[in-house]
Amino acid sequence: MGHACTPDDLGGAPEPQRSAPDPQPEHPITAIIAVIAIFVAILLITWARIEVHGTGDLEEALVEPQAQAGVPLLPPKDIKAGEEREVDAAVTSSRFATGLSP
């Protein structure tokens, strides 16, 4: 029967290359400062969003109307004007026409 060629037949398996240890490993304080910087950035972005847009839309999204027994809940009214709907439809169709879809 045939014999499969193995690394032992060719003089043994080569030793895996081991990389040298990192000469300057990351200090734990650097990692902690990085995490704090990320947290501060998230807080600043949130604060800027609230300053620019306010909290009305957030409150509206989070506060659900109280349902009464036997009364069906209606979906929120569409408050867009007809012209605004036409603009939205035109923007959407042009996105699809250019290959940019949401």
Protein backbone atom coordinates (compact mmCIF):
# COMPACT_ATOMS: atom_id res chain seq x y z
CA MET A 1 0.00 0.00 0.00
CA GLY A 2 1.00 3.61 -0.41
CA HIS A 3 2.63 5.75 2.20
CA ALA A 4 1.48 9.28 3.04
CA CYS A 5 4.21 11.87 3.21
CA THR A 6 4.41 13.40 6.69
CA PRO A 7 6.59 16.20 8.11
CA ASP A 8 8.63 13.53 9.89
CA ASP A 9 9.66 12.14 6.49
CA LEU A 10 11.06 15.55 5.53
CA GLY A 11 13.18 16.03 8.62
CA GLY A 12 10.59 16.77 11.29
CA ALA A 13 7.96 19.38 11.78
CA PRO A 14 9.21 22.96 11.86
CA GLU A 15 8.89 24.72 15.16
CA PRO A 16 6.18 27.38 15.20
CA GLN A 17 7.47 30.93 15.05
CA ARG A 18 6.88 32.67 18.35
CA SER A 19 6.77 36.42 18.35
CA ALA A 20 8.85 38.28 20.86
CA PRO A 21 7.00 39.65 23.86
CA ASP A 22 5.74 43.20 23.45
CA PRO A 23 8.57 45.47 24.63
CA GLN A 24 6.11 48.06 25.99
CA PRO A 25 2.85 46.42 27.06
CA GLU A 26 -0.18 48.67 27.59
CA HIS A 27 -0.36 50.03 31.10
CA PRO A 28 -3.67 49.39 32.94
CA ILE A 29 -4.02 53.13 33.65
CA THR A 30 -4.03 53.78 29.89
CA ALA A 31 -6.92 51.35 29.43
CA ILE A 32 -8.88 52.93 32.29
CA ILE A 33 -8.34 56.43 30.87
CA ALA A 34 -9.51 55.22 27.45
CA VAL A 35 -12.73 53.81 28.91
CA ILE A 36 -13.36 57.04 30.83
CA ALA A 37 -12.76 59.06 27.64
CA ILE A 38 -15.31 56.95 25.76
CA PHE A 39 -17.85 57.42 28.55
CA VAL A 40 -17.28 61.20 28.59
CA ALA A 41 -17.68 61.32 24.79
CA ILE A 42 -21.01 59.49 25.04
CA LEU A 43 -22.20 61.95 27.70
CA LEU A 44 -21.13 64.96 25.63
CA ILE A 45 -22.89 63.65 22.52
CA THR A 46 -26.06 63.01 24.54
CA TRP A 47 -25.89 66.49 26.11
CA ALA A 48 -25.40 68.12 22.68
CA ARG A 49 -28.35 66.18 21.25
CA ILE A 50 -30.60 67.33 24.10
CA GLU A 51 -29.42 70.95 23.72
CA VAL A 52 -30.04 70.97 19.98
CA HIS A 53 -33.24 68.95 19.71
CA GLY A 54 -34.72 69.14 23.21
CA THR A 55 -36.39 66.29 25.02
CA GLY A 56 -39.95 66.58 23.71
CA ASP A 57 -39.59 63.86 21.09
CA LEU A 58 -37.86 61.55 23.58
CA GLU A 59 -40.59 62.02 26.17
CA GLU A 60 -43.25 61.47 23.53
CA ALA A 61 -41.59 58.25 22.41
CA LEU A 62 -41.12 56.94 25.96
CA VAL A 63 -44.44 57.92 27.49
CA GLU A 64 -47.24 55.72 26.28
CA PRO A 65 -50.84 56.87 26.61
CA GLN A 66 -52.79 55.08 29.33
CA ALA A 67 -55.25 52.59 27.90
CA GLN A 68 -58.75 52.53 29.32
CA ALA A 69 -60.73 49.34 29.53
CA GLY A 70 -62.88 48.80 26.46
CA VAL A 71 -61.40 51.71 24.47
CA PRO A 72 -59.09 50.75 21.62
CA LEU A 73 -55.81 52.62 21.36
CA LEU A 74 -55.44 54.58 18.14
CA PRO A 75 -52.11 55.01 16.40
CA PRO A 76 -50.56 58.48 16.66
CA LYS A 77 -51.80 61.06 14.17
CA ASP A 78 -49.69 61.82 11.14
CA ILE A 79 -48.93 65.50 11.56
CA LYS A 80 -47.02 65.99 8.32
CA ALA A 81 -48.45 68.42 5.83
CA GLY A 82 -49.26 67.22 2.31
CA GLU A 83 -46.33 69.14 0.83
CA GLU A 84 -43.92 67.58 3.34
CA ARG A 85 -45.19 64.11 2.40
CA GLU A 86 -44.54 64.88 -1.28
CA VAL A 87 -40.99 66.02 -0.50
CA ASP A 88 -40.35 62.86 1.56
CA ALA A 89 -41.65 60.70 -1.28
CA ALA A 90 -39.44 62.53 -3.81
CA VAL A 91 -36.36 62.15 -1.60
CA THR A 92 -37.05 58.45 -1.11
CA SER A 93 -37.58 57.81 -4.82
CA SER A 94 -34.38 59.67 -5.71
CA ARG A 95 -32.47 57.59 -3.17
CA PHE A 96 -33.67 54.41 -4.78
CA ALA A 97 -32.95 55.82 -8.25
CA THR A 98 -29.33 56.55 -7.31
CA GLY A 99 -28.87 53.20 -5.62
CA LEU A 100 -28.87 54.57 -2.06
CA SER A 101 -31.57 52.82 -0.11
CA PRO A 102 -32.29 53.30 3.59
